Amino acid sequence: MYKKSVFVLVLNTSISTSALALQQVSVPDGAFKMGCSATDSKCEKDEGQAGGISVNVPAFKIDKYEVTVANYKKCMAAGKCKKPKDHQRNKYCNLGAKGRENHPINCIDWQDAQTYCQWRGARLPYEAEWEKAARAGSTTAYPWGNTVSCKQAILDDGVTQGSVKGEPDGCGEDRTWSVGSRPPNALGLYDMHGNAGEWVSNWYGKNALAENYAKGDLKGPASGKQKVVRGGSWDENIANLRSSFRNVKPPVSGDTIYGSIGFRCVSEK
């Protein structure tokens, strides 16, 4: 039986909405080991060989925080971004929810995320860029080691209870949290693991690490049926937050609700 734990809510209230919009972190060029960590026993076949595979990634800049509701609304106000599914449609959608302006925008389709990034003169990250930034030089299952809890990320750790009785999703809150609610990784990036899962640019290919990325094709595969989602989310368990875990979703949600998916943008250096 899990023991009940208590976690103190500390919101990053010092961050203004406008300050969140364009803050980016530079990631230097060079190779890193992408895929299954040598110490990770939970790897799936599409995460490649144990110990990872060398992938070279040119320098880029990536958003320090996940794109927030307030950020996305500016693009809507400019007439460039479509309105995604909102809180009236589903309680897990952050758009239109009171007090969630600084929560990640979610319930969003892949193309709408890409359109927002393009409006900013940016794009969605390639999958290899995302993992290099998330690892921040680490070679373990998570950037801080081989375990994760609500002390490091917003997730369902199966233990932490909060304001929603009996519900460990979202560290007991059954929703996302404001961006930057947990410490950053070594590069200064927040919520790369947990809170909202993040769309990346790539179509899903089971063997893309070896067949595309390791060969210098960071944009591949050329086509597919599902896009890759990285980082795990507020309602996913600890295994899905591993640095190498590759989730997949159709780019268009249709009648479903992508309440677990948000995004951040990348600029080329």
Protein backbone atom coordinates (compact mmCIF):
# COMPACT_ATOMS: atom_id res chain seq x y z
CA MET A 1 0.00 0.00 0.00
CA TYR A 2 1.30 3.44 -0.87
CA LYS A 3 1.98 5.81 1.96
CA LYS A 4 0.30 9.18 1.72
CA SER A 5 2.70 12.09 1.37
CA VAL A 6 2.26 15.82 1.53
CA PHE A 7 3.83 18.23 -0.92
CA VAL A 8 3.81 21.97 -0.37
CA LEU A 9 2.59 23.98 -3.35
CA VAL A 10 5.08 26.65 -4.32
CA LEU A 11 4.03 28.49 -7.46
CA ASN A 12 6.50 30.50 -9.51
CA THR A 13 4.48 33.68 -9.03
CA SER A 14 7.48 35.95 -9.64
CA ILE A 15 7.40 35.18 -13.38
CA SER A 16 5.25 37.62 -15.32
CA THR A 17 3.17 36.45 -18.25
CA SER A 18 5.03 38.73 -20.67
CA ALA A 19 8.42 37.53 -19.41
CA LEU A 20 7.51 33.95 -20.22
CA ALA A 21 6.82 34.62 -23.87
CA LEU A 22 10.24 34.63 -25.50
CA GLN A 23 12.81 33.42 -22.94
CA GLN A 24 15.02 30.81 -24.56
CA VAL A 25 18.08 28.80 -23.57
CA SER A 26 20.99 28.15 -25.93
CA VAL A 27 22.02 24.53 -26.45
CA PRO A 28 25.52 24.16 -27.98
CA ASP A 29 26.24 22.00 -31.00
CA GLY A 30 27.68 18.54 -30.60
CA ALA A 31 26.84 14.88 -30.19
CA PHE A 32 25.04 13.23 -27.29
CA LYS A 33 23.87 9.72 -26.46
CA MET A 34 20.20 9.54 -27.47
CA GLY A 35 17.82 6.79 -26.38
CA CYS A 36 17.87 4.13 -23.71
CA SER A 37 20.05 4.99 -20.72
CA ALA A 38 22.50 2.26 -19.70
CA THR A 39 20.98 2.12 -16.20
CA ASP A 40 17.34 2.15 -17.38
CA SER A 41 15.48 -1.16 -17.09
CA LYS A 42 12.18 0.24 -18.44
CA CYS A 43 13.29 1.00 -22.00
CA GLU A 44 11.04 -0.01 -24.88
CA LYS A 45 12.29 -1.29 -28.24
CA ASP A 46 11.83 2.03 -30.02
CA GLU A 47 14.21 3.70 -27.54
CA GLY A 48 17.16 1.91 -29.11
CA GLN A 49 20.12 0.10 -27.63
CA ALA A 50 21.10 0.30 -23.98
CA GLY A 51 23.58 3.11 -23.48
CA GLY A 52 22.11 5.12 -26.33
CA ILE A 53 23.30 5.96 -29.82
CA SER A 54 25.44 8.95 -30.79
CA VAL A 55 23.44 11.72 -32.48
CA ASN A 56 24.97 15.03 -33.55
CA VAL A 57 22.76 18.07 -33.05
CA PRO A 58 23.63 21.57 -34.35
CA ALA A 59 23.27 24.48 -31.92
CA PHE A 60 19.76 25.76 -31.25
CA LYS A 61 17.73 27.77 -28.76
CA ILE A 62 14.72 26.32 -26.96
CA ASP A 63 11.98 27.90 -24.85
CA LYS A 64 12.79 28.00 -21.17
CA TYR A 65 9.15 27.26 -20.31
CA GLU A 66 6.26 25.45 -21.93
CA VAL A 67 4.05 27.78 -23.97
CA THR A 68 1.40 29.13 -21.62
CA VAL A 69 -2.26 29.91 -22.09
CA ALA A 70 -1.42 33.63 -21.97
CA ASN A 71 1.27 33.22 -24.65
CA TYR A 72 -1.06 31.33 -26.97
CA LYS A 73 -3.91 33.82 -26.52
CA LYS A 74 -1.67 36.55 -27.96
CA CYS A 75 -1.40 34.54 -31.17
CA MET A 76 -5.18 34.06 -31.19
CA ALA A 77 -5.68 37.79 -30.67
CA ALA A 78 -3.38 38.46 -33.63
CA GLY A 79 -5.64 36.28 -35.78
CA LYS A 80 -2.86 33.79 -36.51
CA CYS A 81 -3.74 30.87 -34.20
CA LYS A 82 -6.88 28.78 -34.01
CA LYS A 83 -8.73 28.40 -30.75
CA PRO A 84 -8.09 24.90 -29.34
CA LYS A 85 -10.54 22.95 -27.23
CA ASP A 86 -11.18 24.87 -24.04
CA HIS A 87 -12.22 24.41 -20.43
CA GLN A 88 -15.89 24.58 -21.34
CA ARG A 89 -15.39 21.57 -23.62
CA ASN A 90 -13.40 19.58 -21.06
CA LYS A 91 -12.32 20.37 -17.49
CA TYR A 92 -8.72 19.35 -18.20
CA CYS A 93 -8.28 21.97 -20.93
CA ASN A 94 -6.59 25.10 -19.59
CA LEU A 95 -7.85 27.73 -22.04
CA GLY A 96 -10.74 29.54 -20.35
CA ALA A 97 -10.07 28.04 -16.91
CA LYS A 98 -9.91 30.56 -14.09
CA GLY A 99 -6.42 31.02 -12.69
CA ARG A 100 -4.61 29.08 -15.42
CA GLU A 101 -3.11 31.85 -17.55
CA ASN A 102 0.38 30.66 -16.62
CA HIS A 103 -0.41 26.98 -17.06
CA PRO A 104 0.74 25.31 -20.30
CA ILE A 105 -1.67 25.59 -23.19
CA ASN A 106 -3.01 22.07 -23.79
CA CYS A 107 -5.80 20.24 -25.67
CA ILE A 108 -3.99 21.38 -28.80
CA ASP A 109 -3.40 19.66 -32.13
CA TRP A 110 0.08 19.35 -33.65
CA GLN A 111 -0.45 21.84 -36.49
CA ASP A 112 -1.81 24.49 -34.13
CA ALA A 113 1.31 24.16 -32.00
CA GLN A 114 3.52 24.47 -35.07
CA THR A 115 1.53 27.48 -36.29
CA TYR A 116 2.10 29.26 -32.97
CA CYS A 117 5.84 28.64 -33.16
CA GLN A 118 5.96 29.87 -36.77
CA TRP A 119 4.09 33.03 -35.74
CA ARG A 120 7.01 33.66 -33.41
CA GLY A 121 9.57 32.97 -36.12
CA ALA A 122 10.36 29.60 -34.59
CA ARG A 123 9.29 25.94 -34.97
CA LEU A 124 8.60 22.82 -32.95
CA PRO A 125 11.80 21.05 -31.85
CA TYR A 126 13.13 18.02 -33.63
CA GLU A 127 12.94 14.95 -31.44
CA ALA A 128 16.73 14.77 -31.06
CA GLU A 129 16.88 18.45 -30.09
CA TRP A 130 14.20 17.89 -27.48
CA GLU A 131 16.01 14.94 -25.88
CA LYS A 132 19.39 16.65 -25.89
CA ALA A 133 17.86 19.65 -24.10
CA ALA A 134 15.93 17.46 -21.68
CA ARG A 135 18.97 15.37 -20.76
CA ALA A 136 21.09 18.48 -20.19
CA GLY A 137 24.24 16.39 -20.21
CA SER A 138 22.84 13.51 -18.14
CA THR A 139 23.01 9.83 -19.04
CA THR A 140 20.52 8.51 -16.46
CA ALA A 141 16.83 7.74 -16.91
CA TYR A 142 15.94 11.24 -15.69
CA PRO A 143 18.26 14.25 -15.66
CA TRP A 144 18.56 14.10 -11.87
CA GLY A 145 19.03 10.30 -11.60
CA ASN A 146 17.08 7.06 -11.99
CA THR A 147 13.93 7.91 -10.01
CA VAL A 148 11.34 10.67 -10.12
CA SER A 149 8.71 12.01 -7.73
CA CYS A 150 6.59 15.11 -7.27
CA LYS A 151 9.63 16.85 -5.84
CA GLN A 152 11.11 17.00 -9.35
CA ALA A 153 8.12 17.01 -11.72
CA ILE A 154 4.34 17.25 -12.07
CA LEU A 155 3.11 13.71 -12.69
CA ASP A 156 1.14 10.80 -11.27
CA ASP A 157 3.72 9.29 -8.93
CA GLY A 158 1.07 7.03 -7.35
CA VAL A 159 1.80 8.52 -3.94
CA THR A 160 1.34 12.25 -3.64
CA GLN A 161 -2.06 13.49 -2.52
CA GLY A 162 -3.36 17.04 -2.81
CA SER A 163 -6.65 18.92 -2.95
CA VAL A 164 -8.45 16.20 -4.96
CA LYS A 165 -9.09 13.36 -2.54
CA GLY A 166 -7.68 10.00 -3.57
CA GLU A 167 -6.25 11.35 -6.84
CA PRO A 168 -2.46 11.28 -7.43
CA ASP A 169 -2.68 12.74 -10.97
CA GLY A 170 -0.96 16.09 -11.20
CA CYS A 171 0.70 15.54 -7.82
CA GLY A 172 -2.75 15.40 -6.24
CA GLU A 173 -4.32 18.33 -8.11
CA ASP A 174 -5.74 16.38 -11.10
CA ARG A 175 -4.53 19.01 -13.59
CA THR A 176 -1.43 20.82 -14.83
CA TRP A 177 0.40 23.35 -12.65
CA SER A 178 1.79 26.79 -13.50
CA VAL A 179 4.93 26.49 -15.59
CA GLY A 180 8.15 26.62 -13.59
CA SER A 181 6.62 25.03 -10.48
CA ARG A 182 9.55 22.63 -10.14
CA PRO A 183 13.33 23.20 -10.33
CA PRO A 184 14.94 23.52 -13.78
CA ASN A 185 17.41 21.07 -15.29
CA ALA A 186 21.12 21.81 -15.67
CA LEU A 187 20.47 23.96 -18.75
CA GLY A 188 17.89 26.07 -16.91
CA LEU A 189 14.88 24.52 -18.66
CA TYR A 190 11.63 24.00 -16.75
CA ASP A 191 9.07 21.19 -17.06
CA MET A 192 10.92 19.19 -19.69
CA HIS A 193 9.66 16.22 -17.70
CA GLY A 194 6.02 16.23 -16.59
CA ASN A 195 3.36 18.97 -16.42
CA ALA A 196 2.42 18.82 -20.13
CA GLY A 197 3.79 16.32 -22.61
CA GLU A 198 5.27 18.17 -25.59
CA TRP A 199 4.72 17.86 -29.32
CA VAL A 200 7.89 17.62 -31.37
CA SER A 201 8.26 18.10 -35.10
CA ASN A 202 8.85 14.49 -36.15
CA TRP A 203 6.64 11.79 -37.48
CA TYR A 204 7.05 8.63 -35.42
CA GLY A 205 9.33 5.94 -36.76
CA LYS A 206 10.03 2.88 -34.63
CA ASN A 207 13.69 2.80 -35.65
CA ALA A 208 14.16 6.53 -36.26
CA LEU A 209 17.05 6.87 -33.80
CA ALA A 210 19.30 4.57 -35.85
CA GLU A 211 17.78 5.01 -39.31
CA ASN A 212 17.39 8.80 -39.29
CA TYR A 213 18.86 10.73 -36.38
CA ALA A 214 22.21 8.93 -36.04
CA LYS A 215 22.72 9.41 -39.79
CA GLY A 216 22.22 13.18 -39.55
CA ASP A 217 18.57 13.30 -40.66
CA LEU A 218 17.04 15.07 -37.68
CA LYS A 219 13.86 15.94 -39.59
CA GLY A 220 12.89 12.36 -40.53
CA PRO A 221 10.97 10.18 -41.04
CA ALA A 222 9.46 11.87 -44.10
CA SER A 223 5.91 10.73 -43.37
CA GLY A 224 3.80 8.77 -40.94
CA LYS A 225 0.50 8.48 -39.14
CA GLN A 226 1.48 9.67 -35.66
CA LYS A 227 3.60 12.48 -34.29
CA VAL A 228 5.98 12.08 -31.36
CA VAL A 229 5.16 13.52 -27.93
CA ARG A 230 7.95 13.81 -25.36
CA GLY A 231 8.45 14.37 -21.64
CA GLY A 232 5.45 12.72 -20.01
CA SER A 233 2.71 14.69 -18.30
CA TRP A 234 0.72 15.46 -15.18
CA ASP A 235 -1.45 12.33 -15.54
CA GLU A 236 1.25 9.87 -16.62
CA ASN A 237 3.28 7.52 -14.44
CA ILE A 238 6.98 7.61 -13.69
CA ALA A 239 8.03 5.40 -16.63
CA ASN A 240 6.59 7.87 -19.15
CA LEU A 241 8.72 10.72 -17.80
CA ARG A 242 12.01 9.04 -18.65
CA SER A 243 14.26 11.10 -20.93
CA SER A 244 14.14 8.47 -23.70
CA PHE A 245 10.42 7.60 -23.60
CA ARG A 246 8.64 8.18 -26.92
CA ASN A 247 4.90 8.72 -26.77
CA VAL A 248 2.89 8.98 -30.00
CA LYS A 249 -0.42 10.59 -30.98
CA PRO A 250 -2.26 11.32 -34.23
CA PRO A 251 -1.58 14.98 -35.11
CA VAL A 252 -5.33 15.73 -35.16
CA SER A 253 -7.27 14.94 -31.97
CA GLY A 254 -10.70 14.72 -33.56
CA ASP A 255 -13.26 13.83 -30.90
CA THR A 256 -10.59 13.05 -28.28
CA ILE A 257 -9.10 15.48 -25.79
CA TYR A 258 -5.34 15.99 -25.65
CA GLY A 259 -5.41 17.32 -22.10
CA SER A 260 -1.93 15.98 -21.45
CA ILE A 261 -0.20 17.62 -24.43
CA GLY A 262 1.36 21.06 -24.78
CA PHE A 263 4.57 22.26 -26.46
CA ARG A 264 7.52 24.64 -26.56
CA CYS A 265 9.35 26.21 -29.50
CA VAL A 266 12.88 26.16 -30.90
CA SER A 267 14.86 28.77 -32.80
CA GLU A 268 17.93 27.95 -34.84
CA LYS A 269 21.05 29.63 -33.47
